[in-house]
Protein backbone atom coordinates (compact mmCIF):
# COMPACT_ATOMS: atom_id res chain seq x y z
CA MET A 1 26.74 -2.77 -12.54
CA LYS A 2 28.02 -0.24 -9.98
CA ASN A 3 28.39 2.36 -12.74
CA ILE A 4 24.77 1.81 -13.77
CA ALA A 5 23.63 2.28 -10.15
CA ILE A 6 25.69 5.45 -9.83
CA LEU A 7 24.28 6.78 -13.11
CA ALA A 8 20.72 6.03 -11.94
CA VAL A 9 21.33 7.82 -8.64
CA MET A 10 22.83 10.81 -10.41
CA MET A 11 19.76 11.02 -12.66
CA MET A 12 17.53 11.00 -9.58
CA THR A 13 19.57 13.74 -7.95
CA LEU A 14 19.05 15.89 -10.99
CA SER A 15 15.30 15.77 -10.41
CA VAL A 16 15.72 17.31 -6.92
CA GLY A 17 17.59 20.25 -8.41
CA PHE A 18 15.32 20.64 -11.43
CA GLY A 19 14.79 24.37 -10.93
CA GLN A 20 18.45 25.06 -10.29
CA LYS A 21 20.86 25.56 -13.14
CA GLU A 22 24.09 24.66 -11.40
CA LYS A 23 24.82 21.58 -9.30
CA GLU A 24 27.71 19.46 -8.11
CA VAL A 25 27.20 15.72 -7.64
CA LYS A 26 29.91 13.22 -6.69
CA LEU A 27 30.28 9.81 -5.08
CA ASN A 28 32.02 9.71 -1.71
CA GLU A 29 33.69 6.31 -1.89
CA GLU A 30 34.37 6.25 1.89
CA THR A 31 30.69 6.68 2.86
CA ASN A 32 29.26 5.19 -0.34
CA LEU A 33 26.89 8.17 -0.55
CA ILE A 34 26.26 10.63 -3.38
CA GLU A 35 27.12 14.16 -2.21
CA ALA A 36 25.00 16.81 -3.88
CA THR A 37 25.15 20.60 -3.82
CA TYR A 38 22.62 22.74 -5.72
CA PHE A 39 22.96 26.46 -6.40
CA HIS A 40 20.61 29.41 -6.81
CA ASP A 41 20.91 31.40 -10.04
CA ASN A 42 23.02 33.98 -8.17
CA GLY A 43 25.64 31.33 -7.27
CA GLU A 44 24.68 30.94 -3.60
CA ILE A 45 24.16 27.37 -2.34
CA SER A 46 20.50 26.36 -2.44
CA GLN A 47 20.64 22.82 -0.99
CA LYS A 48 23.35 20.49 0.24
CA GLY A 49 23.15 16.86 1.32
CA THR A 50 23.59 13.21 0.42
CA PHE A 51 21.75 10.36 -1.30
CA ASP A 52 22.24 6.63 -0.88
CA LEU A 53 22.97 4.49 -3.94
CA ASP A 54 19.25 3.68 -4.22
CA GLY A 55 18.59 7.38 -4.88
CA LYS A 56 16.96 8.06 -1.50
CA LEU A 57 17.85 11.13 0.56
CA HIS A 58 20.10 9.86 3.33
CA GLY A 59 22.08 11.86 5.86
CA ASP A 60 22.18 15.54 6.74
CA TRP A 61 20.46 18.05 4.45
CA SER A 62 20.53 21.84 4.56
CA LYS A 63 18.61 24.40 2.54
CA PHE A 64 19.62 28.06 2.07
CA ASN A 65 17.86 31.17 0.79
CA GLU A 66 19.25 33.27 -2.08
CA GLU A 67 21.23 35.41 0.38
CA GLY A 68 23.07 32.31 1.67
CA ASP A 69 21.28 32.12 5.04
CA LYS A 70 20.39 28.62 6.24
CA ILE A 71 16.61 28.20 6.31
CA SER A 72 16.32 24.50 7.18
CA GLU A 73 18.42 21.57 8.27
CA GLY A 74 17.77 18.02 9.32
CA THR A 75 18.45 14.36 8.64
CA TYR A 76 16.99 11.77 6.30
CA THR A 77 17.26 8.03 6.79
CA LYS A 78 16.59 6.14 3.54
CA GLY A 79 14.27 8.88 2.27
CA ILE A 80 12.42 9.46 5.56
CA ARG A 81 12.77 12.63 7.65
CA THR A 82 13.98 11.66 11.09
CA GLY A 83 14.75 13.40 14.36
CA LYS A 84 14.85 17.14 14.91
CA TRP A 85 14.71 19.55 12.01
CA MET A 86 15.15 23.31 12.21
CA PHE A 87 13.21 25.71 9.98
CA VAL A 88 13.74 29.49 9.89
CA SER A 89 11.05 31.83 8.59
CA ASN A 90 10.85 35.60 9.16
CA GLY A 91 13.43 35.39 11.94
CA VAL A 92 11.51 32.69 13.83
CA VAL A 93 13.13 29.29 14.35
CA LYS A 94 10.86 26.27 14.55
CA GLU A 95 12.19 22.97 15.86
CA VAL A 96 10.20 20.14 14.31
CA GLU A 97 10.51 16.59 15.59
CA PHE A 98 9.79 13.88 13.00
CA ASP A 99 8.77 10.34 13.83
CA ASN A 100 8.79 8.08 10.76
CA ASN A 101 8.31 11.06 8.43
CA ILE A 102 5.34 12.37 10.48
CA ILE A 103 5.52 15.59 12.51
CA ALA A 104 5.53 14.58 16.18
CA SER A 105 6.00 18.07 17.65
CA VAL A 106 6.78 21.67 16.76
CA VAL A 107 8.49 24.10 19.13
CA ASP A 108 8.84 27.83 18.49
CA LYS A 109 12.46 28.39 19.59
CA LYS A 110 12.02 32.17 19.81
CA ASN A 111 9.31 31.87 22.47
CA LYS A 112 10.22 28.28 23.47
CA SER A 113 6.56 27.37 23.45
CA SER A 114 5.20 24.12 22.08
CA VAL A 115 3.09 24.73 19.00
CA VAL A 116 2.04 21.13 18.20
CA SER A 117 2.61 17.91 20.05
CA LYS A 118 1.77 14.33 19.13
CA ASP A 119 0.21 12.49 22.08
């Protein structure tokens, strides 16, 4: 039964990396999470993170551009974005706070000014 669950999770992880040719997926038996790394066509890491055995994103996730620079990072809890996420675009870092998968606030870290706030 466990092998079937692992196979199902691995199939789901393949859908996340659909556009990427190369990927590494393995079960971490200590954490009981599927560790996944996806690569751009040029060999640079595209995405890196973990899934739970139900196939939901769970834990820290990072995304990188084709040059290998980190462009986003944050945490999922059972498929839901939680806490602070960082996004980089055109040299500007945005800190986005998620509350139950909904954007609660956005702060421009370059200017340290609040862009959006949930009140």
